[in-house]
Amino acid sequence: LAKKPMSQGTFYGRERYDPELIISQILIMQSLHYIGLGLWFALMDSIMGVPISLNQFFTEEPFDNLSTRMAWATIFGILLNSGTNIGALFTVVERAKKCLDFGGTVYFLHLCFSIAYKGFPLCWVWWTSNLIALVVSIVFGEYFCARRELRDIPMTRLSDRSQQQ
């Protein structure tokens, strides 16, 4: 994940297929997703005064009763984590056209892990909160990546060379 300094500008030419890069980006995105989710759950649970639980990550149990603080702490944690995912897309993926792929992969793998942990989620609140977070992550991730891609490329070095000759 070598980065070019932003002061030099960024030019995106034809990309070559690099499976190691793609796999490492997926692993980093998934790791950042769960680290962010854990931090947001810890914050929301401490604010709401409920214990953090692995069930918040992978089951629909917190949503059984929407009048509980646990349910709302989980919903807010999931929605706030979309901000973490936006930052991860901007930092790790860097390309607007790849945000849909990587953002969708994060939530698809999250669904697979949830199914493996406790079965297929049937609760509409689980689906709604995760789909909203998915859409927000992808739309704003694409927006910020596209803004960076559309920045002008500074031509100061070229003009400095021509003046020296």
Protein backbone atom coordinates (compact mmCIF):
# COMPACT_ATOMS: atom_id res chain seq x y z
CA LEU A 1 0.00 0.00 0.00
CA ALA A 2 2.70 2.43 -0.99
CA LYS A 3 1.49 5.99 -1.08
CA LYS A 4 2.61 8.90 -3.18
CA PRO A 5 2.85 12.23 -1.41
CA MET A 6 -0.26 14.25 -2.15
CA SER A 7 1.85 17.31 -2.96
CA GLN A 8 3.08 15.56 -6.11
CA GLY A 9 -0.43 15.00 -7.36
CA THR A 10 -1.88 11.68 -8.34
CA PHE A 11 -2.26 10.33 -11.83
CA TYR A 12 -4.23 7.15 -12.34
CA GLY A 13 -3.22 5.29 -15.43
CA ARG A 14 -4.13 1.81 -16.49
CA GLU A 15 -4.11 -0.45 -13.46
CA ARG A 16 -2.76 -3.94 -13.52
CA TYR A 17 -4.45 -6.84 -11.76
CA ASP A 18 -2.74 -7.44 -8.41
CA PRO A 19 -4.50 -10.12 -6.33
CA GLU A 20 -2.16 -9.69 -3.35
CA LEU A 21 -3.01 -6.00 -3.16
CA ILE A 22 -6.73 -6.71 -3.45
CA ILE A 23 -6.65 -9.37 -0.71
CA SER A 24 -4.60 -7.16 1.58
CA GLN A 25 -7.02 -4.28 1.01
CA ILE A 26 -9.99 -6.54 1.83
CA LEU A 27 -8.29 -7.75 5.03
CA ILE A 28 -7.42 -4.20 6.09
CA MET A 29 -10.94 -2.95 5.31
CA GLN A 30 -12.52 -5.81 7.28
CA SER A 31 -10.15 -5.27 10.20
CA LEU A 32 -10.87 -1.54 10.29
CA HIS A 33 -14.60 -2.27 10.08
CA TYR A 34 -14.52 -4.45 13.20
CA ILE A 35 -12.08 -2.24 15.10
CA GLY A 36 -14.31 0.75 14.40
CA LEU A 37 -17.44 -1.20 15.27
CA GLY A 38 -15.88 -2.29 18.57
CA LEU A 39 -14.87 1.26 19.45
CA TRP A 40 -18.28 2.67 18.56
CA PHE A 41 -20.05 -0.08 20.53
CA ALA A 42 -17.79 0.57 23.52
CA LEU A 43 -18.57 4.29 23.38
CA MET A 44 -22.31 3.86 22.83
CA ASP A 45 -22.59 1.12 25.48
CA SER A 46 -20.80 3.27 28.04
CA ILE A 47 -23.05 6.24 27.24
CA MET A 48 -26.19 4.07 27.40
CA GLY A 49 -24.99 2.14 30.45
CA VAL A 50 -25.18 -1.34 28.94
CA PRO A 51 -22.51 -4.07 28.82
CA ILE A 52 -20.70 -4.64 25.52
CA SER A 53 -21.52 -7.99 23.99
CA LEU A 54 -20.27 -10.04 21.06
CA ASN A 55 -23.94 -10.44 20.14
CA GLN A 56 -23.95 -6.76 19.12
CA PHE A 57 -21.47 -7.60 16.39
CA PHE A 58 -22.95 -10.75 14.92
CA THR A 59 -26.55 -11.37 16.00
CA GLU A 60 -29.95 -9.79 15.88
CA GLU A 61 -30.57 -10.40 19.61
CA PRO A 62 -29.96 -6.77 20.63
CA PHE A 63 -32.85 -5.79 18.33
CA ASP A 64 -35.41 -8.12 19.94
CA ASN A 65 -36.88 -5.23 21.91
CA LEU A 66 -36.43 -1.75 20.43
CA SER A 67 -37.40 -0.12 23.71
CA THR A 68 -34.11 -1.20 25.31
CA ARG A 69 -30.94 0.85 25.54
CA MET A 70 -28.97 -2.12 24.17
CA ALA A 71 -30.92 -1.99 20.90
CA TRP A 72 -30.32 1.73 20.43
CA ALA A 73 -26.66 1.51 21.41
CA THR A 74 -26.24 -1.17 18.74
CA ILE A 75 -28.12 0.78 16.08
CA PHE A 76 -26.13 3.97 16.74
CA GLY A 77 -22.87 2.00 16.80
CA ILE A 78 -23.60 0.44 13.40
CA LEU A 79 -24.60 3.77 11.87
CA LEU A 80 -21.64 5.67 13.34
CA ASN A 81 -19.28 3.00 12.05
CA SER A 82 -20.18 4.01 8.51
CA GLY A 83 -17.95 7.04 9.17
CA THR A 84 -15.10 4.69 10.01
CA ASN A 85 -15.75 2.81 6.79
CA ILE A 86 -15.77 6.06 4.79
CA GLY A 87 -12.33 6.89 6.17
CA ALA A 88 -11.11 3.38 5.43
CA LEU A 89 -12.35 3.55 1.83
CA PHE A 90 -10.70 6.94 1.39
CA THR A 91 -7.40 5.76 2.88
CA VAL A 92 -7.11 2.12 1.80
CA VAL A 93 -9.04 1.89 -1.48
CA GLU A 94 -8.41 5.46 -2.73
CA ARG A 95 -10.44 5.07 -5.94
CA ALA A 96 -14.09 6.10 -6.31
CA LYS A 97 -14.81 3.34 -8.81
CA LYS A 98 -13.66 0.69 -6.32
CA CYS A 99 -15.67 1.91 -3.31
CA LEU A 100 -18.77 -0.08 -4.25
CA ASP A 101 -16.76 -3.28 -4.59
CA PHE A 102 -14.81 -2.94 -1.34
CA GLY A 103 -17.69 -1.46 0.68
CA GLY A 104 -20.02 -4.22 -0.51
CA THR A 105 -17.40 -6.85 0.29
CA VAL A 106 -17.05 -5.60 3.88
CA TYR A 107 -20.78 -5.93 4.53
CA PHE A 108 -21.08 -9.21 2.59
CA LEU A 109 -18.32 -10.75 4.72
CA HIS A 110 -20.00 -9.31 7.82
CA LEU A 111 -23.21 -11.11 6.78
CA CYS A 112 -21.23 -14.36 6.26
CA PHE A 113 -19.61 -14.03 9.70
CA SER A 114 -22.99 -13.32 11.27
CA ILE A 115 -24.49 -16.41 9.64
CA ALA A 116 -21.56 -18.53 10.81
CA TYR A 117 -21.85 -17.16 14.36
CA LYS A 118 -25.57 -17.53 15.00
CA GLY A 119 -27.50 -18.21 11.80
CA PHE A 120 -29.17 -16.06 9.16
CA PRO A 121 -30.43 -12.75 10.57
CA LEU A 122 -34.19 -12.37 10.12
CA CYS A 123 -34.78 -9.16 12.07
CA TRP A 124 -35.74 -6.20 9.88
CA VAL A 125 -33.90 -3.76 12.18
CA TRP A 126 -30.62 -5.66 11.69
CA TRP A 127 -31.06 -5.49 7.92
CA THR A 128 -32.19 -1.85 7.90
CA SER A 129 -29.36 -0.55 10.07
CA ASN A 130 -26.70 -2.49 8.14
CA LEU A 131 -28.12 -1.50 4.73
CA ILE A 132 -28.24 2.18 5.72
CA ALA A 133 -24.64 1.96 6.96
CA LEU A 134 -23.64 0.20 3.70
CA VAL A 135 -25.24 2.86 1.49
CA VAL A 136 -23.84 5.77 3.53
CA SER A 137 -20.35 4.21 3.51
CA ILE A 138 -20.32 3.65 -0.24
CA VAL A 139 -21.92 6.94 -1.31
CA PHE A 140 -19.73 9.14 0.86
CA GLY A 141 -16.64 6.99 0.29
CA GLU A 142 -17.10 7.46 -3.47
CA TYR A 143 -17.76 11.17 -2.99
CA PHE A 144 -14.56 11.82 -1.03
CA CYS A 145 -12.43 9.59 -3.27
CA ALA A 146 -13.81 11.31 -6.39
CA ARG A 147 -13.04 14.74 -4.93
CA ARG A 148 -9.44 13.69 -4.37
CA GLU A 149 -9.20 12.22 -7.89
CA LEU A 150 -10.51 15.46 -9.42
CA ARG A 151 -7.91 17.69 -7.78
CA ASP A 152 -5.63 19.55 -10.12
CA ILE A 153 -2.22 18.04 -10.68
CA PRO A 154 0.36 20.70 -9.80
CA MET A 155 2.67 21.50 -12.68
CA THR A 156 5.24 23.54 -10.73
CA ARG A 157 8.12 21.17 -11.35
CA LEU A 158 7.60 21.25 -15.11
CA SER A 159 7.47 25.04 -15.20
CA ASP A 160 10.58 25.28 -12.98
CA ARG A 161 12.55 23.09 -15.40
CA SER A 162 11.51 25.03 -18.48
CA GLN A 163 12.51 28.34 -16.87
CA GLN A 164 15.96 26.96 -15.98
CA GLN A 165 16.74 26.04 -19.60
